[in-house]
Amino acid sequence: RCLRGGTSFRGVSFFEGDASRGVMDMEKTSQISWAFAVLLVLVLCFVAVAVFVWLVYAGTQMLESNLDNYKKGLDRFGQTVSDWLDFLPEDKREWARNEFQNYVTKALTQIA
């Protein structure tokens, strides 16, 4: 039972019959509430698509601005793999290194 005019002993509610319990009642048949809900969803979808497009654009700009770094890293990777293949004859390693560098150059120019 509530003590002192509505204060609960267990702290469940402060006032009996208090309408502010964190529940919002809306009339679900109102055209205004439906229009507001649809507009809110459309705005949220538009914002999500706009953020996605912006992130894709920013990613492509970063990729294009760092192509030289990607080429350097892939060249070092190719050199390291070539060094690991020291059991192969030198002409085969040189051929593999040249093929890898040609592939990297062609792939990076296609990306840009």
N, C-alpha and C. Protein backbone atom coordinates (compact mmCIF):
# COMPACT_ATOMS: atom_id res chain seq x y z
N ARG A 1 0.83 -1.19 0.00
CA ARG A 1 0.00 0.00 0.00
C ARG A 1 0.87 1.24 0.00
N CYS A 2 0.33 2.30 -0.56
CA CYS A 2 1.07 3.55 -0.68
C CYS A 2 1.01 4.34 0.61
N LEU A 3 2.10 4.93 0.94
CA LEU A 3 2.20 5.77 2.12
C LEU A 3 2.32 7.23 1.68
N ARG A 4 1.92 8.16 2.53
CA ARG A 4 2.06 9.60 2.34
C ARG A 4 1.46 10.08 1.03
N GLY A 5 0.30 9.76 0.72
CA GLY A 5 -0.42 10.31 -0.42
C GLY A 5 0.07 9.81 -1.76
N GLY A 6 0.50 8.58 -1.83
CA GLY A 6 0.82 8.01 -3.13
C GLY A 6 2.25 7.53 -3.28
N THR A 7 3.15 7.84 -2.38
CA THR A 7 4.52 7.37 -2.50
C THR A 7 4.56 5.90 -2.14
N SER A 8 5.14 5.11 -2.99
CA SER A 8 5.17 3.68 -2.77
C SER A 8 6.35 3.31 -1.89
N PHE A 9 6.12 2.35 -1.03
CA PHE A 9 7.17 1.87 -0.15
C PHE A 9 8.27 1.16 -0.93
N ARG A 10 7.91 0.44 -2.01
CA ARG A 10 8.87 -0.30 -2.81
C ARG A 10 9.48 0.55 -3.93
N GLY A 11 9.05 1.75 -4.10
CA GLY A 11 9.59 2.62 -5.13
C GLY A 11 9.07 2.32 -6.52
N VAL A 12 7.94 1.63 -6.63
CA VAL A 12 7.40 1.28 -7.93
C VAL A 12 6.80 2.51 -8.60
N SER A 13 6.01 3.26 -7.90
CA SER A 13 5.44 4.48 -8.48
C SER A 13 5.39 5.54 -7.39
N PHE A 14 5.50 6.78 -7.81
CA PHE A 14 5.49 7.86 -6.85
C PHE A 14 4.09 8.35 -6.54
N PHE A 15 3.23 8.32 -7.53
CA PHE A 15 1.88 8.80 -7.31
C PHE A 15 0.90 7.80 -7.90
N GLU A 16 -0.17 7.56 -7.20
CA GLU A 16 -1.20 6.69 -7.74
C GLU A 16 -1.94 7.43 -8.84
N GLY A 17 -2.17 6.76 -9.93
CA GLY A 17 -2.90 7.38 -11.03
C GLY A 17 -2.07 8.36 -11.84
N ASP A 18 -0.77 8.36 -11.63
CA ASP A 18 0.10 9.27 -12.36
C ASP A 18 0.16 8.86 -13.82
N ALA A 19 -0.11 9.79 -14.72
CA ALA A 19 -0.15 9.47 -16.15
C ALA A 19 1.24 9.45 -16.77
N SER A 20 2.24 9.96 -16.10
CA SER A 20 3.58 10.02 -16.68
C SER A 20 4.41 8.81 -16.25
N ARG A 21 4.17 7.69 -16.87
CA ARG A 21 4.91 6.47 -16.56
C ARG A 21 5.81 6.05 -17.71
N GLY A 22 6.10 6.92 -18.65
CA GLY A 22 6.97 6.60 -19.76
C GLY A 22 6.27 5.97 -20.94
N VAL A 23 4.98 5.97 -20.96
CA VAL A 23 4.23 5.39 -22.08
C VAL A 23 3.55 6.53 -22.82
N MET A 24 3.77 6.56 -24.15
CA MET A 24 3.13 7.60 -24.95
C MET A 24 2.02 6.96 -25.76
N ASP A 25 0.85 7.45 -25.60
CA ASP A 25 -0.29 6.95 -26.36
C ASP A 25 -0.54 7.87 -27.53
N MET A 26 -0.64 7.27 -28.72
CA MET A 26 -0.96 8.03 -29.92
C MET A 26 -2.20 7.43 -30.55
N GLU A 27 -2.96 8.29 -31.16
CA GLU A 27 -4.11 7.80 -31.90
C GLU A 27 -3.59 7.24 -33.22
N LYS A 28 -3.73 5.95 -33.41
CA LYS A 28 -3.13 5.29 -34.56
C LYS A 28 -3.95 5.44 -35.83
N THR A 29 -5.12 5.98 -35.75
CA THR A 29 -5.95 6.14 -36.94
C THR A 29 -5.87 7.56 -37.50
N SER A 30 -5.17 8.44 -36.85
CA SER A 30 -5.09 9.83 -37.30
C SER A 30 -4.20 9.94 -38.53
N GLN A 31 -4.65 10.71 -39.52
CA GLN A 31 -3.88 10.91 -40.74
C GLN A 31 -2.60 11.70 -40.45
N ILE A 32 -2.66 12.57 -39.50
CA ILE A 32 -1.48 13.37 -39.15
C ILE A 32 -0.40 12.49 -38.53
N SER A 33 -0.78 11.56 -37.64
CA SER A 33 0.22 10.69 -37.03
C SER A 33 0.82 9.74 -38.07
N TRP A 34 0.01 9.25 -38.99
CA TRP A 34 0.54 8.38 -40.05
C TRP A 34 1.45 9.18 -40.98
N ALA A 35 1.06 10.38 -41.34
CA ALA A 35 1.90 11.21 -42.21
C ALA A 35 3.23 11.53 -41.53
N PHE A 36 3.18 11.84 -40.24
CA PHE A 36 4.41 12.11 -39.50
C PHE A 36 5.31 10.87 -39.46
N ALA A 37 4.74 9.70 -39.21
CA ALA A 37 5.51 8.47 -39.15
C ALA A 37 6.14 8.14 -40.50
N VAL A 38 5.38 8.28 -41.58
CA VAL A 38 5.90 7.99 -42.92
C VAL A 38 6.99 8.99 -43.28
N LEU A 39 6.78 10.25 -42.97
CA LEU A 39 7.78 11.28 -43.25
C LEU A 39 9.06 11.00 -42.46
N LEU A 40 8.93 10.61 -41.22
CA LEU A 40 10.09 10.30 -40.40
C LEU A 40 10.87 9.12 -40.98
N VAL A 41 10.18 8.09 -41.42
CA VAL A 41 10.85 6.93 -42.01
C VAL A 41 11.52 7.32 -43.32
N LEU A 42 10.88 8.13 -44.14
CA LEU A 42 11.48 8.56 -45.40
C LEU A 42 12.74 9.39 -45.15
N VAL A 43 12.70 10.26 -44.17
CA VAL A 43 13.87 11.07 -43.84
C VAL A 43 15.01 10.18 -43.35
N LEU A 44 14.69 9.22 -42.49
CA LEU A 44 15.73 8.31 -42.00
C LEU A 44 16.34 7.48 -43.13
N CYS A 45 15.52 7.00 -44.05
CA CYS A 45 16.04 6.25 -45.21
C CYS A 45 16.91 7.13 -46.09
N PHE A 46 16.47 8.36 -46.34
CA PHE A 46 17.25 9.28 -47.16
C PHE A 46 18.60 9.57 -46.50
N VAL A 47 18.60 9.79 -45.20
CA VAL A 47 19.85 10.06 -44.49
C VAL A 47 20.78 8.84 -44.56
N ALA A 48 20.23 7.64 -44.40
CA ALA A 48 21.05 6.44 -44.46
C ALA A 48 21.66 6.26 -45.85
N VAL A 49 20.89 6.48 -46.89
CA VAL A 49 21.41 6.37 -48.26
C VAL A 49 22.45 7.45 -48.52
N ALA A 50 22.20 8.65 -48.06
CA ALA A 50 23.16 9.75 -48.27
C ALA A 50 24.48 9.46 -47.57
N VAL A 51 24.43 8.94 -46.35
CA VAL A 51 25.66 8.59 -45.63
C VAL A 51 26.39 7.47 -46.36
N PHE A 52 25.67 6.48 -46.87
CA PHE A 52 26.29 5.38 -47.60
C PHE A 52 26.99 5.90 -48.85
N VAL A 53 26.31 6.75 -49.62
CA VAL A 53 26.91 7.29 -50.85
C VAL A 53 28.12 8.14 -50.52
N TRP A 54 28.04 8.92 -49.47
CA TRP A 54 29.19 9.73 -49.07
C TRP A 54 30.37 8.86 -48.66
N LEU A 55 30.12 7.78 -47.93
CA LEU A 55 31.21 6.89 -47.53
C LEU A 55 31.85 6.20 -48.73
N VAL A 56 31.06 5.79 -49.70
CA VAL A 56 31.61 5.19 -50.92
C VAL A 56 32.45 6.21 -51.67
N TYR A 57 31.96 7.44 -51.79
CA TYR A 57 32.71 8.50 -52.47
C TYR A 57 34.03 8.78 -51.74
N ALA A 58 33.97 8.89 -50.42
CA ALA A 58 35.19 9.15 -49.64
C ALA A 58 36.18 8.00 -49.79
N GLY A 59 35.67 6.77 -49.82
CA GLY A 59 36.55 5.62 -49.99
C GLY A 59 37.25 5.61 -51.34
N THR A 60 36.53 5.97 -52.40
CA THR A 60 37.16 6.00 -53.72
C THR A 60 38.18 7.13 -53.81
N GLN A 61 37.88 8.25 -53.18
CA GLN A 61 38.86 9.35 -53.17
C GLN A 61 40.13 8.95 -52.43
N MET A 62 39.98 8.27 -51.32
CA MET A 62 41.15 7.81 -50.56
C MET A 62 41.95 6.78 -51.34
N LEU A 63 41.24 5.88 -52.01
CA LEU A 63 41.93 4.87 -52.81
C LEU A 63 42.74 5.52 -53.92
N GLU A 64 42.13 6.47 -54.61
CA GLU A 64 42.85 7.15 -55.69
C GLU A 64 44.03 7.95 -55.18
N SER A 65 43.90 8.57 -54.03
CA SER A 65 44.99 9.39 -53.51
C SER A 65 46.13 8.54 -52.94
N ASN A 66 45.87 7.27 -52.66
CA ASN A 66 46.91 6.40 -52.08
C ASN A 66 47.38 5.31 -53.04
N LEU A 67 47.11 5.45 -54.33
CA LEU A 67 47.51 4.41 -55.28
C LEU A 67 49.01 4.19 -55.30
N ASP A 68 49.80 5.25 -55.15
CA ASP A 68 51.25 5.09 -55.13
C ASP A 68 51.70 4.24 -53.95
N ASN A 69 51.06 4.44 -52.81
CA ASN A 69 51.42 3.63 -51.63
C ASN A 69 51.04 2.17 -51.82
N TYR A 70 49.88 1.91 -52.45
CA TYR A 70 49.50 0.53 -52.73
C TYR A 70 50.50 -0.12 -53.67
N LYS A 71 50.95 0.63 -54.69
CA LYS A 71 51.92 0.09 -55.64
C LYS A 71 53.23 -0.23 -54.95
N LYS A 72 53.70 0.66 -54.07
CA LYS A 72 54.95 0.40 -53.33
C LYS A 72 54.81 -0.84 -52.46
N GLY A 73 53.70 -0.95 -51.77
CA GLY A 73 53.49 -2.11 -50.89
C GLY A 73 53.42 -3.41 -51.68
N LEU A 74 52.72 -3.40 -52.81
CA LEU A 74 52.63 -4.61 -53.63
C LEU A 74 53.97 -4.96 -54.27
N ASP A 75 54.75 -3.93 -54.64
CA ASP A 75 56.09 -4.20 -55.16
C ASP A 75 56.98 -4.85 -54.10
N ARG A 76 56.89 -4.34 -52.88
CA ARG A 76 57.68 -4.96 -51.78
C ARG A 76 57.21 -6.39 -51.52
N PHE A 77 55.89 -6.60 -51.58
CA PHE A 77 55.37 -7.96 -51.39
C PHE A 77 55.89 -8.89 -52.48
N GLY A 78 55.87 -8.43 -53.72
CA GLY A 78 56.39 -9.24 -54.83
C GLY A 78 57.86 -9.53 -54.67
N GLN A 79 58.63 -8.56 -54.20
CA GLN A 79 60.06 -8.78 -53.97
C GLN A 79 60.28 -9.80 -52.85
N THR A 80 59.48 -9.72 -51.79
CA THR A 80 59.61 -10.66 -50.68
C THR A 80 59.28 -12.08 -51.14
N VAL A 81 58.20 -12.23 -51.90
CA VAL A 81 57.84 -13.56 -52.40
C VAL A 81 58.93 -14.07 -53.33
N SER A 82 59.49 -13.19 -54.15
CA SER A 82 60.57 -13.59 -55.05
C SER A 82 61.79 -14.05 -54.26
N ASP A 83 62.07 -13.38 -53.14
CA ASP A 83 63.20 -13.79 -52.30
C ASP A 83 62.94 -15.15 -51.66
N TRP A 84 61.68 -15.44 -51.34
CA TRP A 84 61.36 -16.74 -50.75
C TRP A 84 61.52 -17.86 -51.78
N LEU A 85 61.37 -17.53 -53.03
CA LEU A 85 61.47 -18.54 -54.09
C LEU A 85 62.92 -18.68 -54.58
N ASP A 86 63.86 -18.64 -53.66
CA ASP A 86 65.27 -18.70 -54.04
C ASP A 86 65.70 -20.07 -54.57
N PHE A 87 64.83 -21.06 -54.41
CA PHE A 87 65.16 -22.39 -54.94
C PHE A 87 64.94 -22.47 -56.44
N LEU A 88 64.23 -21.49 -57.01
CA LEU A 88 64.01 -21.47 -58.46
C LEU A 88 65.20 -20.82 -59.15
N PRO A 89 65.39 -21.13 -60.41
CA PRO A 89 66.46 -20.45 -61.16
C PRO A 89 66.18 -18.95 -61.25
N GLU A 90 67.23 -18.16 -61.41
CA GLU A 90 67.11 -16.71 -61.42
C GLU A 90 66.22 -16.21 -62.54
N ASP A 91 66.27 -16.82 -63.71
CA ASP A 91 65.44 -16.34 -64.82
C ASP A 91 63.95 -16.57 -64.56
N LYS A 92 63.61 -17.66 -63.88
CA LYS A 92 62.20 -17.92 -63.54
C LYS A 92 61.71 -16.94 -62.47
N ARG A 93 62.56 -16.63 -61.51
CA ARG A 93 62.17 -15.66 -60.48
C ARG A 93 61.99 -14.28 -61.09
N GLU A 94 62.88 -13.91 -62.01
CA GLU A 94 62.76 -12.61 -62.68
C GLU A 94 61.48 -12.55 -63.51
N TRP A 95 61.16 -13.65 -64.20
CA TRP A 95 59.94 -13.70 -64.99
C TRP A 95 58.71 -13.54 -64.09
N ALA A 96 58.70 -14.27 -62.95
CA ALA A 96 57.56 -14.20 -62.03
C ALA A 96 57.44 -12.79 -61.44
N ARG A 97 58.56 -12.17 -61.10
CA ARG A 97 58.53 -10.81 -60.55
C ARG A 97 57.98 -9.82 -61.59
N ASN A 98 58.44 -9.94 -62.83
CA ASN A 98 57.96 -9.05 -63.88
C ASN A 98 56.47 -9.25 -64.16
N GLU A 99 56.02 -10.50 -64.19
CA GLU A 99 54.59 -10.77 -64.40
C GLU A 99 53.74 -10.19 -63.28
N PHE A 100 54.22 -10.34 -62.05
CA PHE A 100 53.49 -9.80 -60.90
C PHE A 100 53.43 -8.27 -60.98
N GLN A 101 54.55 -7.62 -61.30
CA GLN A 101 54.56 -6.16 -61.40
C GLN A 101 53.67 -5.67 -62.54
N ASN A 102 53.66 -6.38 -63.66
CA ASN A 102 52.78 -5.99 -64.76
C ASN A 102 51.32 -6.13 -64.36
N TYR A 103 51.00 -7.22 -63.67
CA TYR A 103 49.63 -7.44 -63.22
C TYR A 103 49.20 -6.34 -62.24
N VAL A 104 50.08 -6.01 -61.27
CA VAL A 104 49.76 -4.99 -60.28
C VAL A 104 49.56 -3.65 -60.96
N THR A 105 50.44 -3.30 -61.88
CA THR A 105 50.32 -2.01 -62.57
C THR A 105 49.02 -1.93 -63.36
N LYS A 106 48.69 -3.01 -64.09
CA LYS A 106 47.48 -3.01 -64.87
C LYS A 106 46.23 -2.95 -63.97
N ALA A 107 46.23 -3.71 -62.88
CA ALA A 107 45.08 -3.74 -61.98
C ALA A 107 44.88 -2.38 -61.31
N LEU A 108 45.96 -1.74 -60.86
CA LEU A 108 45.81 -0.47 -60.18
C LEU A 108 45.37 0.64 -61.14
N THR A 109 45.83 0.58 -62.39
CA THR A 109 45.37 1.60 -63.35
C THR A 109 43.90 1.38 -63.71
N GLN A 110 43.44 0.12 -63.71
CA GLN A 110 42.02 -0.13 -63.96
C GLN A 110 41.16 0.36 -62.82
N ILE A 111 41.65 0.24 -61.60
CA ILE A 111 40.90 0.71 -60.43
C ILE A 111 40.75 2.21 -60.48
N ALA A 112 41.84 2.89 -60.82
CA ALA A 112 41.81 4.36 -60.88
C ALA A 112 41.01 4.77 -62.08
